[in-house]
Amino acid sequence: MNERSILITQDYGKIVLRLREVLEARGMNRNQLASAIHVNFAVVDRWYQGNIEKLDLDILARICYVLGCEVSDLLEYRPNPK
């Protein structure tokens, strides 16, 4: 194998979605949030379950606005332990 064909991968850690905790603290459910931010339940449910791969910044802004929270309340970076 030559140097160009060597694939180097690094584990950068992960981003954890904390919508479940924030909703519980606010006493709000997924249906209420979905209605308030004008999206269907499945969108909120993916956030709630932590099953999103790419962030939609518009959705993130809507959630922060309705819940009166900061982005850092919803997203947490967890580095990979070495």
PDB file of N, CA and C in Angstrom:
ATOM      1  N   MET A   1       0.832  -1.176   0.000  1.00  0.00           N
ATOM      2  CA  MET A   1       0.000   0.000   0.000  1.00  0.00           C
ATOM      3  C   MET A   1       0.883   1.247   0.000  1.00  0.00           C
ATOM      4  N   ASN A   2       0.570   2.180  -0.854  1.00  0.00           N
ATOM      5  CA  ASN A   2       1.338   3.414  -0.838  1.00  0.00           C
ATOM      6  C   ASN A   2       0.713   4.406   0.134  1.00  0.00           C
ATOM      7  N   GLU A   3       1.405   5.495   0.378  1.00  0.00           N
ATOM      8  CA  GLU A   3       0.943   6.463   1.383  1.00  0.00           C
ATOM      9  C   GLU A   3      -0.410   7.084   1.036  1.00  0.00           C
ATOM     10  N   ARG A   4      -0.690   7.237  -0.245  1.00  0.00           N
ATOM     11  CA  ARG A   4      -1.952   7.868  -0.635  1.00  0.00           C
ATOM     12  C   ARG A   4      -3.166   6.982  -0.370  1.00  0.00           C
ATOM     13  N   SER A   5      -2.970   5.686  -0.331  1.00  0.00           N
ATOM     14  CA  SER A   5      -4.112   4.799  -0.151  1.00  0.00           C
ATOM     15  C   SER A   5      -4.394   4.477   1.322  1.00  0.00           C
ATOM     16  N   ILE A   6      -3.618   5.026   2.227  1.00  0.00           N
ATOM     17  CA  ILE A   6      -3.855   4.808   3.649  1.00  0.00           C
ATOM     18  C   ILE A   6      -4.925   5.791   4.127  1.00  0.00           C
ATOM     19  N   LEU A   7      -5.976   5.258   4.665  1.00  0.00           N
ATOM     20  CA  LEU A   7      -7.052   6.087   5.186  1.00  0.00           C
ATOM     21  C   LEU A   7      -6.849   6.258   6.680  1.00  0.00           C
ATOM     22  N   ILE A   8      -6.750   7.487   7.111  1.00  0.00           N
ATOM     23  CA  ILE A   8      -6.583   7.772   8.529  1.00  0.00           C
ATOM     24  C   ILE A   8      -7.926   8.273   9.044  1.00  0.00           C
ATOM     25  N   THR A   9      -8.400   7.628  10.084  1.00  0.00           N
ATOM     26  CA  THR A   9      -9.649   8.064  10.689  1.00  0.00           C
ATOM     27  C   THR A   9      -9.392   8.464  12.129  1.00  0.00           C
ATOM     28  N   GLN A  10     -10.141   9.412  12.580  1.00  0.00           N
ATOM     29  CA  GLN A  10     -10.049   9.861  13.956  1.00  0.00           C
ATOM     30  C   GLN A  10     -11.446   9.885  14.534  1.00  0.00           C
ATOM     31  N   ASP A  11     -11.532   9.566  15.793  1.00  0.00           N
ATOM     32  CA  ASP A  11     -12.812   9.663  16.458  1.00  0.00           C
ATOM     33  C   ASP A  11     -12.853  11.010  17.164  1.00  0.00           C
ATOM     34  N   TYR A  12     -13.688  11.887  16.664  1.00  0.00           N
ATOM     35  CA  TYR A  12     -13.766  13.250  17.178  1.00  0.00           C
ATOM     36  C   TYR A  12     -14.722  13.389  18.355  1.00  0.00           C
ATOM     37  N   GLY A  13     -15.373  12.330  18.731  1.00  0.00           N
ATOM     38  CA  GLY A  13     -16.390  12.420  19.764  1.00  0.00           C
ATOM     39  C   GLY A  13     -17.750  12.506  19.117  1.00  0.00           C
ATOM     40  N   LYS A  14     -18.728  12.975  19.872  1.00  0.00           N
ATOM     41  CA  LYS A  14     -20.081  13.054  19.309  1.00  0.00           C
ATOM     42  C   LYS A  14     -20.848  14.220  19.908  1.00  0.00           C
ATOM     43  N   ILE A  15     -21.889  14.582  19.205  1.00  0.00           N
ATOM     44  CA  ILE A  15     -22.823  15.605  19.663  1.00  0.00           C
ATOM     45  C   ILE A  15     -24.055  14.871  20.194  1.00  0.00           C
ATOM     46  N   VAL A  16     -24.440  15.211  21.399  1.00  0.00           N
ATOM     47  CA  VAL A  16     -25.613  14.602  22.032  1.00  0.00           C
ATOM     48  C   VAL A  16     -26.743  15.625  22.032  1.00  0.00           C
ATOM     49  N   LEU A  17     -27.908  15.188  21.570  1.00  0.00           N
ATOM     50  CA  LEU A  17     -29.089  16.048  21.566  1.00  0.00           C
ATOM     51  C   LEU A  17     -29.803  15.903  22.901  1.00  0.00           C
ATOM     52  N   ARG A  18     -30.144  17.027  23.502  1.00  0.00           N
ATOM     53  CA  ARG A  18     -30.739  17.027  24.832  1.00  0.00           C
ATOM     54  C   ARG A  18     -32.174  17.554  24.835  1.00  0.00           C
ATOM     55  N   LEU A  19     -32.867  17.424  23.719  1.00  0.00           N
ATOM     56  CA  LEU A  19     -34.233  17.942  23.631  1.00  0.00           C
ATOM     57  C   LEU A  19     -35.146  17.270  24.654  1.00  0.00           C
ATOM     58  N   ARG A  20     -34.993  15.984  24.860  1.00  0.00           N
ATOM     59  CA  ARG A  20     -35.842  15.268  25.813  1.00  0.00           C
ATOM     60  C   ARG A  20     -35.780  15.927  27.197  1.00  0.00           C
ATOM     61  N   GLU A  21     -34.574  16.187  27.664  1.00  0.00           N
ATOM     62  CA  GLU A  21     -34.396  16.786  28.986  1.00  0.00           C
ATOM     63  C   GLU A  21     -34.977  18.200  29.065  1.00  0.00           C
ATOM     64  N   VAL A  22     -34.759  18.970  28.003  1.00  0.00           N
ATOM     65  CA  VAL A  22     -35.255  20.348  27.993  1.00  0.00           C
ATOM     66  C   VAL A  22     -36.787  20.366  27.960  1.00  0.00           C
ATOM     67  N   LEU A  23     -37.385  19.504  27.155  1.00  0.00           N
ATOM     68  CA  LEU A  23     -38.842  19.439  27.109  1.00  0.00           C
ATOM     69  C   LEU A  23     -39.421  19.048  28.473  1.00  0.00           C
ATOM     70  N   GLU A  24     -38.817  18.045  29.101  1.00  0.00           N
ATOM     71  CA  GLU A  24     -39.302  17.607  30.410  1.00  0.00           C
ATOM     72  C   GLU A  24     -39.202  18.732  31.439  1.00  0.00           C
ATOM     73  N   ALA A  25     -38.110  19.470  31.398  1.00  0.00           N
ATOM     74  CA  ALA A  25     -37.923  20.586  32.335  1.00  0.00           C
ATOM     75  C   ALA A  25     -38.963  21.679  32.105  1.00  0.00           C
ATOM     76  N   ARG A  26     -39.426  21.826  30.858  1.00  0.00           N
ATOM     77  CA  ARG A  26     -40.415  22.865  30.532  1.00  0.00           C
ATOM     78  C   ARG A  26     -41.851  22.365  30.671  1.00  0.00           C
ATOM     79  N   GLY A  27     -42.021  21.074  30.933  1.00  0.00           N
ATOM     80  CA  GLY A  27     -43.364  20.508  31.026  1.00  0.00           C
ATOM     81  C   GLY A  27     -44.098  20.484  29.696  1.00  0.00           C
ATOM     82  N   MET A  28     -43.355  20.308  28.617  1.00  0.00           N
ATOM     83  CA  MET A  28     -43.931  20.327  27.278  1.00  0.00           C
ATOM     84  C   MET A  28     -43.724  18.956  26.642  1.00  0.00           C
ATOM     85  N   ASN A  29     -44.658  18.552  25.787  1.00  0.00           N
ATOM     86  CA  ASN A  29     -44.469  17.287  25.081  1.00  0.00           C
ATOM     87  C   ASN A  29     -44.126  17.528  23.608  1.00  0.00           C
ATOM     88  N   ARG A  30     -43.822  16.460  22.913  1.00  0.00           N
ATOM     89  CA  ARG A  30     -43.401  16.561  21.505  1.00  0.00           C
ATOM     90  C   ARG A  30     -44.493  17.117  20.612  1.00  0.00           C
ATOM     91  N   ASN A  31     -45.735  16.737  20.855  1.00  0.00           N
ATOM     92  CA  ASN A  31     -46.844  17.262  20.037  1.00  0.00           C
ATOM     93  C   ASN A  31     -46.978  18.772  20.194  1.00  0.00           C
ATOM     94  N   GLN A  32     -46.875  19.241  21.420  1.00  0.00           N
ATOM     95  CA  GLN A  32     -46.974  20.684  21.663  1.00  0.00           C
ATOM     96  C   GLN A  32     -45.841  21.432  20.970  1.00  0.00           C
ATOM     97  N   LEU A  33     -44.622  20.897  21.056  1.00  0.00           N
ATOM     98  CA  LEU A  33     -43.486  21.551  20.401  1.00  0.00           C
ATOM     99  C   LEU A  33     -43.662  21.556  18.886  1.00  0.00           C
ATOM    100  N   ALA A  34     -44.065  20.422  18.336  1.00  0.00           N
ATOM    101  CA  ALA A  34     -44.258  20.337  16.884  1.00  0.00           C
ATOM    102  C   ALA A  34     -45.263  21.388  16.409  1.00  0.00           C
ATOM    103  N   SER A  35     -46.355  21.539  17.134  1.00  0.00           N
ATOM    104  CA  SER A  35     -47.355  22.556  16.770  1.00  0.00           C
ATOM    105  C   SER A  35     -46.779  23.957  16.887  1.00  0.00           C
ATOM    106  N   ALA A  36     -46.029  24.205  17.951  1.00  0.00           N
ATOM    107  CA  ALA A  36     -45.487  25.546  18.196  1.00  0.00           C
ATOM    108  C   ALA A  36     -44.445  25.963  17.174  1.00  0.00           C
ATOM    109  N   ILE A  37     -43.684  24.997  16.641  1.00  0.00           N
ATOM    110  CA  ILE A  37     -42.638  25.362  15.672  1.00  0.00           C
ATOM    111  C   ILE A  37     -43.060  25.062  14.232  1.00  0.00           C
ATOM    112  N   HIS A  38     -44.318  24.642  14.065  1.00  0.00           N
ATOM    113  CA  HIS A  38     -44.917  24.427  12.737  1.00  0.00           C
ATOM    114  C   HIS A  38     -44.168  23.393  11.901  1.00  0.00           C
ATOM    115  N   VAL A  39     -43.928  22.229  12.525  1.00  0.00           N
ATOM    116  CA  VAL A  39     -43.372  21.080  11.806  1.00  0.00           C
ATOM    117  C   VAL A  39     -44.190  19.861  12.195  1.00  0.00           C
ATOM    118  N   ASN A  40     -44.038  18.768  11.435  1.00  0.00           N
ATOM    119  CA  ASN A  40     -44.789  17.579  11.822  1.00  0.00           C
ATOM    120  C   ASN A  40     -44.090  16.856  12.973  1.00  0.00           C
ATOM    121  N   PHE A  41     -44.842  16.000  13.618  1.00  0.00           N
ATOM    122  CA  PHE A  41     -44.374  15.299  14.807  1.00  0.00           C
ATOM    123  C   PHE A  41     -43.080  14.534  14.546  1.00  0.00           C
ATOM    124  N   ALA A  42     -42.944  13.931  13.371  1.00  0.00           N
ATOM    125  CA  ALA A  42     -41.766  13.107  13.058  1.00  0.00           C
ATOM    126  C   ALA A  42     -40.464  13.906  13.158  1.00  0.00           C
ATOM    127  N   VAL A  43     -40.501  15.165  12.790  1.00  0.00           N
ATOM    128  CA  VAL A  43     -39.305  16.013  12.874  1.00  0.00           C
ATOM    129  C   VAL A  43     -38.889  16.171  14.326  1.00  0.00           C
ATOM    130  N   VAL A  44     -39.832  16.536  15.172  1.00  0.00           N
ATOM    131  CA  VAL A  44     -39.535  16.710  16.599  1.00  0.00           C
ATOM    132  C   VAL A  44     -39.131  15.373  17.221  1.00  0.00           C
ATOM    133  N   ASP A  45     -39.788  14.311  16.818  1.00  0.00           N
ATOM    134  CA  ASP A  45     -39.481  12.995  17.372  1.00  0.00           C
ATOM    135  C   ASP A  45     -38.041  12.576  17.071  1.00  0.00           C
ATOM    136  N   ARG A  46     -37.554  12.874  15.870  1.00  0.00           N
ATOM    137  CA  ARG A  46     -36.145  12.554  15.540  1.00  0.00           C
ATOM    138  C   ARG A  46     -35.195  13.310  16.453  1.00  0.00           C
ATOM    139  N   TRP A  47     -35.480  14.586  16.712  1.00  0.00           N
ATOM    140  CA  TRP A  47     -34.661  15.369  17.644  1.00  0.00           C
ATOM    141  C   TRP A  47     -34.747  14.775  19.043  1.00  0.00           C
ATOM    142  N   TYR A  48     -35.950  14.439  19.455  1.00  0.00           N
ATOM    143  CA  TYR A  48     -36.208  13.901  20.786  1.00  0.00           C
ATOM    144  C   TYR A  48     -35.452  12.581  20.997  1.00  0.00           C
ATOM    145  N   GLN A  49     -35.463  11.730  19.980  1.00  0.00           N
ATOM    146  CA  GLN A  49     -34.795  10.435  20.053  1.00  0.00           C
ATOM    147  C   GLN A  49     -33.285  10.537  19.804  1.00  0.00           C
ATOM    148  N   GLY A  50     -32.834  11.702  19.332  1.00  0.00           N
ATOM    149  CA  GLY A  50     -31.414  11.873  19.020  1.00  0.00           C
ATOM    150  C   GLY A  50     -31.016  11.223  17.711  1.00  0.00           C
ATOM    151  N   ASN A  51     -31.960  11.123  16.794  1.00  0.00           N
ATOM    152  CA  ASN A  51     -31.733  10.427  15.523  1.00  0.00           C
ATOM    153  C   ASN A  51     -31.628  11.373  14.334  1.00  0.00           C
ATOM    154  N   ILE A  52     -30.854  12.428  14.471  1.00  0.00           N
ATOM    155  CA  ILE A  52     -30.633  13.299  13.323  1.00  0.00           C
ATOM    156  C   ILE A  52     -29.145  13.260  12.983  1.00  0.00           C
ATOM    157  N   GLU A  53     -28.858  13.377  11.710  1.00  0.00           N
ATOM    158  CA  GLU A  53     -27.470  13.350  11.260  1.00  0.00           C
ATOM    159  C   GLU A  53     -26.970  14.732  10.874  1.00  0.00           C
ATOM    160  N   LYS A  54     -27.868  15.554  10.373  1.00  0.00           N
ATOM    161  CA  LYS A  54     -27.510  16.914   9.975  1.00  0.00           C
ATOM    162  C   LYS A  54     -28.486  17.881  10.627  1.00  0.00           C
ATOM    163  N   LEU A  55     -27.943  18.962  11.130  1.00  0.00           N
ATOM    164  CA  LEU A  55     -28.779  19.949  11.800  1.00  0.00           C
ATOM    165  C   LEU A  55     -29.426  20.893  10.804  1.00  0.00           C
ATOM    166  N   ASP A  56     -30.696  21.118  10.986  1.00  0.00           N
ATOM    167  CA  ASP A  56     -31.412  22.148  10.254  1.00  0.00           C
ATOM    168  C   ASP A  56     -31.416  23.367  11.175  1.00  0.00           C
ATOM    169  N   LEU A  57     -30.649  24.380  10.825  1.00  0.00           N
ATOM    170  CA  LEU A  57     -30.496  25.538  11.701  1.00  0.00           C
ATOM    171  C   LEU A  57     -31.792  26.298  11.902  1.00  0.00           C
ATOM    172  N   ASP A  58     -32.680  26.266  10.933  1.00  0.00           N
ATOM    173  CA  ASP A  58     -33.975  26.915  11.092  1.00  0.00           C
ATOM    174  C   ASP A  58     -34.790  26.206  12.178  1.00  0.00           C
ATOM    175  N   ILE A  59     -34.804  24.884  12.141  1.00  0.00           N
ATOM    176  CA  ILE A  59     -35.516  24.113  13.164  1.00  0.00           C
ATOM    177  C   ILE A  59     -34.888  24.367  14.528  1.00  0.00           C
ATOM    178  N   LEU A  60     -33.571  24.368  14.593  1.00  0.00           N
ATOM    179  CA  LEU A  60     -32.871  24.630  15.846  1.00  0.00           C
ATOM    180  C   LEU A  60     -33.254  26.004  16.406  1.00  0.00           C
ATOM    181  N   ALA A  61     -33.291  27.003  15.554  1.00  0.00           N
ATOM    182  CA  ALA A  61     -33.672  28.350  15.993  1.00  0.00           C
ATOM    183  C   ALA A  61     -35.113  28.387  16.497  1.00  0.00           C
ATOM    184  N   ARG A  62     -36.004  27.703  15.799  1.00  0.00           N
ATOM    185  CA  ARG A  62     -37.409  27.660  16.231  1.00  0.00           C
ATOM    186  C   ARG A  62     -37.536  27.011  17.610  1.00  0.00           C
ATOM    187  N   ILE A  63     -36.833  25.897  17.798  1.00  0.00           N
ATOM    188  CA  ILE A  63     -36.884  25.197  19.086  1.00  0.00           C
ATOM    189  C   ILE A  63     -36.379  26.103  20.196  1.00  0.00           C
ATOM    190  N   CYS A  64     -35.235  26.749  19.965  1.00  0.00           N
ATOM    191  CA  CYS A  64     -34.674  27.653  20.982  1.00  0.00           C
ATOM    192  C   CYS A  64     -35.649  28.786  21.305  1.00  0.00           C
ATOM    193  N   TYR A  65     -36.279  29.339  20.291  1.00  0.00           N
ATOM    194  CA  TYR A  65     -37.219  30.444  20.485  1.00  0.00           C
ATOM    195  C   TYR A  65     -38.410  30.009  21.341  1.00  0.00           C
ATOM    196  N   VAL A  66     -39.018  28.891  20.969  1.00  0.00           N
ATOM    197  CA  VAL A  66     -40.213  28.424  21.663  1.00  0.00           C
ATOM    198  C   VAL A  66     -39.890  27.974  23.090  1.00  0.00           C
ATOM    199  N   LEU A  67     -38.761  27.301  23.271  1.00  0.00           N
ATOM    200  CA  LEU A  67     -38.418  26.801  24.601  1.00  0.00           C
ATOM    201  C   LEU A  67     -37.686  27.831  25.454  1.00  0.00           C
ATOM    202  N   GLY A  68     -37.336  28.962  24.853  1.00  0.00           N
ATOM    203  CA  GLY A  68     -36.616  29.990  25.597  1.00  0.00           C
ATOM    204  C   GLY A  68     -35.281  29.488  26.115  1.00  0.00           C
ATOM    205  N   CYS A  69     -34.560  28.792  25.246  1.00  0.00           N
ATOM    206  CA  CYS A  69     -33.287  28.218  25.667  1.00  0.00           C
ATOM    207  C   CYS A  69     -32.171  28.592  24.689  1.00  0.00           C
ATOM    208  N   GLU A  70     -30.970  28.245  25.055  1.00  0.00           N
ATOM    209  CA  GLU A  70     -29.793  28.468  24.218  1.00  0.00           C
ATOM    210  C   GLU A  70     -29.461  27.189  23.447  1.00  0.00           C
ATOM    211  N   VAL A  71     -28.730  27.343  22.366  1.00  0.00           N
ATOM    212  CA  VAL A  71     -28.283  26.181  21.595  1.00  0.00           C
ATOM    213  C   VAL A  71     -27.530  25.216  22.508  1.00  0.00           C
ATOM    214  N   SER A  72     -26.724  25.750  23.397  1.00  0.00           N
ATOM    215  CA  SER A  72     -25.925  24.897  24.294  1.00  0.00           C
ATOM    216  C   SER A  72     -26.794  24.087  25.260  1.00  0.00           C
ATOM    217  N   ASP A  73     -28.056  24.475  25.438  1.00  0.00           N
ATOM    218  CA  ASP A  73     -28.972  23.676  26.252  1.00  0.00           C
ATOM    219  C   ASP A  73     -29.430  22.427  25.510  1.00  0.00           C
ATOM    220  N   LEU A  74     -29.399  22.492  24.190  1.00  0.00           N
ATOM    221  CA  LEU A  74     -29.896  21.400  23.353  1.00  0.00           C
ATOM    222  C   LEU A  74     -28.805  20.498  22.800  1.00  0.00           C
ATOM    223  N   LEU A  75     -27.620  21.046  22.611  1.00  0.00           N
ATOM    224  CA  LEU A  75     -26.521  20.286  22.008  1.00  0.00           C
ATOM    225  C   LEU A  75     -25.354  20.213  22.976  1.00  0.00           C
ATOM    226  N   GLU A  76     -24.821  19.018  23.132  1.00  0.00           N
ATOM    227  CA  GLU A  76     -23.673  18.821  24.023  1.00  0.00           C
ATOM    228  C   GLU A  76     -22.596  18.048  23.279  1.00  0.00           C
ATOM    229  N   TYR A  77     -21.373  18.551  23.311  1.00  0.00           N
ATOM    230  CA  TYR A  77     -20.254  17.842  22.706  1.00  0.00           C
ATOM    231  C   TYR A  77     -19.602  16.940  23.748  1.00  0.00           C
ATOM    232  N   ARG A  78     -19.466  15.666  23.377  1.00  0.00           N
ATOM    233  CA  ARG A  78     -18.790  14.709  24.249  1.00  0.00           C
ATOM    234  C   ARG A  78     -17.576  14.152  23.525  1.00  0.00           C
ATOM    235  N   PRO A  79     -16.385  14.535  23.968  1.00  0.00           N
ATOM    236  CA  PRO A  79     -15.186  14.008  23.315  1.00  0.00           C
ATOM    237  C   PRO A  79     -15.046  12.517  23.581  1.00  0.00           C
ATOM    238  N   ASN A  80     -14.378  11.857  22.674  1.00  0.00           N
ATOM    239  CA  ASN A  80     -14.127  10.435  22.829  1.00  0.00           C
ATOM    240  C   ASN A  80     -13.027  10.225  23.866  1.00  0.00           C
ATOM    241  N   PRO A  81     -13.290   9.435  24.897  1.00  0.00           N
ATOM    242  CA  PRO A  81     -12.200   9.195  25.875  1.00  0.00           C
ATOM    243  C   PRO A  81     -11.072   8.419  25.201  1.00  0.00           C
ATOM    244  N   LYS A  82      -9.878   8.821  25.488  1.00  0.00           N
ATOM    245  CA  LYS A  82      -8.726   8.169  24.829  1.00  0.00           C
ATOM    246  C   LYS A  82      -8.119   7.121  25.690  1.00  0.00           C
TER     247      LYS A  82
END
